[in-house]
């Protein structure tokens, strides 16, 4: 498929930018100490806006008998979860239209409100609104001569199918463009949806639009380090998937990332221990804290292929931090969609290090972390994500940087003796600077040798942290 091949080709194109000649020391991956270099340096590359999507579903159910039509009406009236999935499938069809407006829409919506649901002459009509967050990058705002506040109250009319069900079966490739022959599926159809094609006969929802409602406030917060270490250990699962399809082999970028990461953690004092049926487990003890990394390679994933989802769930249920490096598969990985897949009453940090994971794999986590006292799901999860392409050449580095800083924050209580504060803003800043190949302010000479400026790069951020409560002792 073109999308997957593009990510792989871009990874190979950037090989000289992503791999250094020397393995970095652990201190090289840490956030800088506070001081002059801190001024304005840790701004993120994007800002989040809260929006609302307005549309109508028009489902042609004339092929059903009258009783079945009424049953379907009742099902959607009573089953908001099923209706929510149908709404999300329609919202997804606006992805590239909004991307052209420089908006990166989260493809999982919230707060579904139905203002009309009727059945007349075999047409089931559902008028609704949903809340949907979006990101816009500072670079794109600057190029347009705008600031984020100027986008508030703007409306963007979009073309989406009135009936988003079974588009491939009903229209074939007539409403899709940019894909490889034979690669279209029900899962990826939204990604290639193009209603402007002359041969596309899909009926469009009338007056569907996305409206920006407010600028969400930026937030600097700490990970909940006290909850990470309350049992005396931090358990991290790190998964490296294959870059290429077919049988896994030694030259695959996913395999090379896994091997490099393994060498790095062993050089930093992690030793192999028992305890993992698939993959390898490493452990290090520092100042009374046990640090455990369960490391999974592309070969391991290949070995459990038929039961791969169950294996992923096992890792998710037994680790406080989970990092996945690989393809997004158009947002079709379902392991984050089920509440039972998560451990109860456990704070977790998740990082789906893949293409467009902000759009694909963020809100599912929070929906399944909701409790009676926390309707947002933020209390028990922080989700690190990416707003654009993910390059396999960067995955080992970004994983290593995130793990290093989270463990440093956990062992130091959020602030070390060198003046480093391991906040989310600073950690994301280091991730983005490394992805861009920008040598941080205050770092000079040979210490800049691993930085090579890149035109295309990841844009990392973190969600769910605005209400985090941890503060280091003495602050």
Foldseek 3Di string as FASTA:
>chain_A
DVVLVVQAVVQVVCLVQQDDPDDDDLVLLAFDFDDPLPPVQLDFFKFKFKKKWWFKAKDQQVVDDPVVLVVVLVCVVVPVPVVQVQVLLQVLLCQVVVVVVQKQKQSRWADKDWPDFDADPRITMTTIMTMIMIMHGPVVCVVVVHDPQVQAFDKDWGWTFSGSPPCCVVQNCQQFDDDDPPPDDSLCRSVGGHCPRPSRPGHTIPRIMMHGHGGDDDDWFAAQLCQQCVVQEAEEEEEFAFSDDDDDDCPTLSNVLLVSLVVNVVVVPWDWDDDDPFATKTWDDDPSHIYIYGYHGNVSCVVCVVCNLVVVLVNQAPGQEYEYHYECSSLPNCSLQDLVSHHPPAAHEYEDQAAQCSNRPDQSNQCSQDDPVRNRSLARYKYKYWHGGGHSSNVSVLVSSVVSLSVVCSVPVQADPSNRGSIQSSSQSSSVCSFQLHDRPPDDDPSSVSRDGDPDGIRMDMPSRRPDDRDGPPD
